[in-house]
Amino acid sequence: MKSIILKQPGRFDLVEVEPPTLPGMDEAQVRVRRVGICGTDLHAFDGTQPFFTYPRVLGHELALEVLNIGVTTVEHELKIGDLCCVRPYLNCGKCSACQRGYENACMHMQVLGVHRDGGMREIINVPIDKLHKSSLLSEEELGLVEMLSVGCHAVRRANIVPGEIVLVVGVGPIGLGVAEFAHLAGARVMAMDISDSRLAFARQQKAIEHCIDAKQEVLAQLKAIIPDDLPTAIFDATGNPQSMMKSFEYVAHGGRLVFVGLFQGDVTFHDPEFHKREMTIMASRNANRQDFNQVISVLENRKIDVKPWITYSVSPEQMLQDFPTWLDPANGTVKAMLRF
């Protein structure tokens, strides 16, 4: 079967490997139909992804077809031929975080495509408990569920109140997902980016009321929209240290700053300003079963249309050729997808 291996930063190899053995206890064997290309994959390719080692098979945004189901004691409704997505966060289930319900922040987390080989291969075995099926969603839509779940989880973490004003910093795919779920939670959503192409796409989204050009004076643009206050919830989805530290300036008194993206380094802030605003800082990591279920329900009920987000859908051979171009936001890529 075909498998794509990231041997080192900047180098993919497309190889033929033996398919996996039959699924083990509590596992299903699945055929990979679609792989969404995530910021994690892009950062792994350019050598800037935290918690990463090479070589690695990337891919955690997956649409899958069930081929075989192993012996299991796990309750499930799967059958051969079902289309699914996967919750790719392989938590231990035993650490204190898992026991307290924070499986998405497991102390021994293994994420498919990051800590463990992922889905850029034709067939894999995955835990049955991590599969979410849908008979209504297309392969492309299922391939975007994980990405949307990250944004859904971040919005749920922030406890959005209907009517409050939210600013999403960075409107790549994760930021767009945050904007959609903040809108569904009743927020008035603003979006900010330095990329003209991303801002142009964001302006087409019904969930986003206003767009702010981060290359211009940000506070002046915010004051033009809300003269007497600042946004009460900021979601920084950039993973850029300068952006993340600058975002402290945009938070209203009593507001929240949610870091959805991350980088390798330290976040610093001016403590008197932080205390004066009685600001809350949150990290949002991965997503959980509740988020996946909510995203699938939202997509099945056509509350979000993600079809326009898919800029490219390519074969493995074409991906190796095109992948480097997707690192440049100026080329207009919203979401690239690999198909097997």
Foldseek 3Di string as FASTA:
>chain_A
DWFWKDAQAQDIDIDDDDADDAADEQKFKKFWFKFWCDPQNLCRNNVFHPQADDTAGAGQLTKIFTQGGYHYPDDDDDDGGFIWHFQFWDAPCPDPCNVVPNRLPHPPIDGDRGNHHHDRDGMDMDRPVGIDTDPQDDRVLSSCLQLLLLLLQLLVVQVADAAFEEEEEDQFSNSVSVLLNSLVNRYAYEYEYQAPLSQVVVVVDPSHDYYDHPVDDGVVVQCVVVVPWAGQEYEYAPQDQVVLQVVLVRHTQNGEYEYSHHGPDDHDYDVVSCVVSVYHYYYGGGHDPVSSVVSVVCVSVVVDDCVVLEPEEEEPVVCSVCVVVVSDVNVNRRMYMYGD
